[in-house]
Amino acid sequence: MANPPGLKKKRSLSTYLSYVGNFALAAMMLLTTADVIGRYFFNAPVLGAYEITEYLMLIMVFFIPGFGPVGKGPHQRGYRFQPPACRTSTFSGAR
């Protein structure tokens, strides 16, 4: 099956956006860890950690999900248009 035109650009763009989202996730984990360590052991929390975590979460939520439908992730193209298999007969006991 031939790839549609422009798919390579979409893959590279979604890959780079996914890298940005993954970097935001790593930064959020490190910031939260540093905030907890500073808060409980040194009684000096990181100023603005809550707000920075909110922005990093916003970046992460909007940049990472685009990688799945274009790439070979768990959610490939066409997953919305395939109806789930109906197995009502096994639940009702009818054959």
C-alpha atoms as a PDB file:
ATOM      1  CA  MET A   1       0.000   0.000   0.000  1.00  0.00           C
ATOM      2  CA  ALA A   2       1.405   3.364  -1.017  1.00  0.00           C
ATOM      3  CA  ASN A   3       1.756   6.102   1.540  1.00  0.00           C
ATOM      4  CA  PRO A   4      -0.366   9.192   0.916  1.00  0.00           C
ATOM      5  CA  PRO A   5       1.540  12.373   0.039  1.00  0.00           C
ATOM      6  CA  GLY A   6       2.560  14.433   3.023  1.00  0.00           C
ATOM      7  CA  LEU A   7       2.564  11.507   5.449  1.00  0.00           C
ATOM      8  CA  LYS A   8       6.311  11.764   5.978  1.00  0.00           C
ATOM      9  CA  LYS A   9       5.979  15.430   6.974  1.00  0.00           C
ATOM     10  CA  LYS A  10       3.130  14.578   9.351  1.00  0.00           C
ATOM     11  CA  ARG A  11       5.206  11.816  10.913  1.00  0.00           C
ATOM     12  CA  SER A  12       8.211  14.053  11.416  1.00  0.00           C
ATOM     13  CA  LEU A  13       6.096  16.919  12.821  1.00  0.00           C
ATOM     14  CA  SER A  14       4.224  14.629  15.188  1.00  0.00           C
ATOM     15  CA  THR A  15       7.504  13.006  16.216  1.00  0.00           C
ATOM     16  CA  TYR A  16       9.049  16.357  17.124  1.00  0.00           C
ATOM     17  CA  LEU A  17       5.924  17.473  18.966  1.00  0.00           C
ATOM     18  CA  SER A  18       5.961  14.171  20.833  1.00  0.00           C
ATOM     19  CA  TYR A  19       9.570  14.876  21.856  1.00  0.00           C
ATOM     20  CA  VAL A  20       8.484  18.264  23.229  1.00  0.00           C
ATOM     21  CA  GLY A  21       5.650  16.594  25.155  1.00  0.00           C
ATOM     22  CA  ASN A  22       7.983  13.933  26.538  1.00  0.00           C
ATOM     23  CA  PHE A  23      10.461  16.616  27.607  1.00  0.00           C
ATOM     24  CA  ALA A  24       7.610  18.429  29.376  1.00  0.00           C
ATOM     25  CA  LEU A  25       6.722  15.184  31.166  1.00  0.00           C
ATOM     26  CA  ALA A  26      10.309  14.653  32.321  1.00  0.00           C
ATOM     27  CA  ALA A  27      10.621  18.276  33.442  1.00  0.00           C
ATOM     28  CA  MET A  28       7.344  18.022  35.344  1.00  0.00           C
ATOM     29  CA  MET A  29       8.499  14.876  37.161  1.00  0.00           C
ATOM     30  CA  LEU A  30      11.850  16.421  38.094  1.00  0.00           C
ATOM     31  CA  LEU A  31      10.224  19.671  39.234  1.00  0.00           C
ATOM     32  CA  THR A  32       7.678  17.848  41.385  1.00  0.00           C
ATOM     33  CA  THR A  33      10.392  15.668  42.909  1.00  0.00           C
ATOM     34  CA  ALA A  34      12.561  18.704  43.677  1.00  0.00           C
ATOM     35  CA  ASP A  35       9.551  20.511  45.163  1.00  0.00           C
ATOM     36  CA  VAL A  36       8.673  17.583  47.442  1.00  0.00           C
ATOM     37  CA  ILE A  37      12.278  17.117  48.574  1.00  0.00           C
ATOM     38  CA  GLY A  38      12.647  20.846  49.214  1.00  0.00           C
ATOM     39  CA  ARG A  39       9.335  21.054  51.021  1.00  0.00           C
ATOM     40  CA  TYR A  40       9.777  18.104  53.388  1.00  0.00           C
ATOM     41  CA  PHE A  41      13.516  17.955  54.014  1.00  0.00           C
ATOM     42  CA  PHE A  42      14.656  21.567  53.747  1.00  0.00           C
ATOM     43  CA  ASN A  43      11.392  23.430  54.472  1.00  0.00           C
ATOM     44  CA  ALA A  44      11.957  25.492  51.309  1.00  0.00           C
ATOM     45  CA  PRO A  45       9.625  24.613  48.420  1.00  0.00           C
ATOM     46  CA  VAL A  46      10.335  25.584  44.826  1.00  0.00           C
ATOM     47  CA  LEU A  47       8.533  28.882  44.218  1.00  0.00           C
ATOM     48  CA  GLY A  48       5.950  28.648  41.434  1.00  0.00           C
ATOM     49  CA  ALA A  49       6.225  24.869  41.076  1.00  0.00           C
ATOM     50  CA  TYR A  50       2.453  24.424  41.014  1.00  0.00           C
ATOM     51  CA  GLU A  51       1.962  26.944  38.201  1.00  0.00           C
ATOM     52  CA  ILE A  52       4.895  25.623  36.168  1.00  0.00           C
ATOM     53  CA  THR A  53       3.503  22.100  36.554  1.00  0.00           C
ATOM     54  CA  GLU A  54       0.166  23.311  35.195  1.00  0.00           C
ATOM     55  CA  TYR A  55       1.808  24.728  32.072  1.00  0.00           C
ATOM     56  CA  LEU A  56       3.933  21.628  31.560  1.00  0.00           C
ATOM     57  CA  MET A  57       0.832  19.454  31.853  1.00  0.00           C
ATOM     58  CA  LEU A  58      -0.905  21.604  29.253  1.00  0.00           C
ATOM     59  CA  ILE A  59       2.026  21.152  26.863  1.00  0.00           C
ATOM     60  CA  MET A  60       2.110  17.424  27.531  1.00  0.00           C
ATOM     61  CA  VAL A  61      -1.621  16.888  26.968  1.00  0.00           C
ATOM     62  CA  PHE A  62      -1.708  18.681  23.624  1.00  0.00           C
ATOM     63  CA  PHE A  63       1.596  17.538  22.133  1.00  0.00           C
ATOM     64  CA  ILE A  64       1.880  13.808  22.915  1.00  0.00           C
ATOM     65  CA  PRO A  65      -1.438  12.320  21.612  1.00  0.00           C
ATOM     66  CA  GLY A  66      -0.768  13.242  17.960  1.00  0.00           C
ATOM     67  CA  PHE A  67       1.959  10.646  17.725  1.00  0.00           C
ATOM     68  CA  GLY A  68      -0.368   7.638  18.010  1.00  0.00           C
ATOM     69  CA  PRO A  69      -2.661   7.961  14.968  1.00  0.00           C
ATOM     70  CA  VAL A  70       0.160   8.797  12.540  1.00  0.00           C
ATOM     71  CA  GLY A  71       2.799   6.423  13.859  1.00  0.00           C
ATOM     72  CA  LYS A  72       2.696   2.769  14.729  1.00  0.00           C
ATOM     73  CA  GLY A  73       1.365   3.428  18.214  1.00  0.00           C
ATOM     74  CA  PRO A  74      -1.521   1.658  19.918  1.00  0.00           C
ATOM     75  CA  HIS A  75      -4.062   3.981  18.266  1.00  0.00           C
ATOM     76  CA  GLN A  76      -3.615   3.730  14.522  1.00  0.00           C
ATOM     77  CA  ARG A  77      -5.644   5.355  11.774  1.00  0.00           C
ATOM     78  CA  GLY A  78      -9.192   4.219  11.429  1.00  0.00           C
ATOM     79  CA  TYR A  79      -9.781   3.189  15.006  1.00  0.00           C
ATOM     80  CA  ARG A  80     -12.816   5.458  15.243  1.00  0.00           C
ATOM     81  CA  PHE A  81     -14.550   3.882  12.277  1.00  0.00           C
ATOM     82  CA  GLN A  82     -14.310   0.240  13.324  1.00  0.00           C
ATOM     83  CA  PRO A  83     -17.278  -0.769  15.460  1.00  0.00           C
ATOM     84  CA  PRO A  84     -16.481  -2.982  18.438  1.00  0.00           C
ATOM     85  CA  ALA A  85     -17.305  -6.654  18.201  1.00  0.00           C
ATOM     86  CA  CYS A  86     -20.725  -7.309  19.718  1.00  0.00           C
ATOM     87  CA  ARG A  87     -20.829 -10.330  22.006  1.00  0.00           C
ATOM     88  CA  THR A  88     -24.231  -9.964  23.593  1.00  0.00           C
ATOM     89  CA  SER A  89     -25.089 -13.610  23.037  1.00  0.00           C
ATOM     90  CA  THR A  90     -22.471 -14.740  25.550  1.00  0.00           C
ATOM     91  CA  PHE A  91     -23.916 -12.463  28.214  1.00  0.00           C
ATOM     92  CA  SER A  92     -27.563 -13.334  27.651  1.00  0.00           C
ATOM     93  CA  GLY A  93     -26.962 -17.076  27.246  1.00  0.00           C
ATOM     94  CA  ALA A  94     -28.752 -17.239  23.865  1.00  0.00           C
ATOM     95  CA  ARG A  95     -27.055 -18.978  20.973  1.00  0.00           C
END
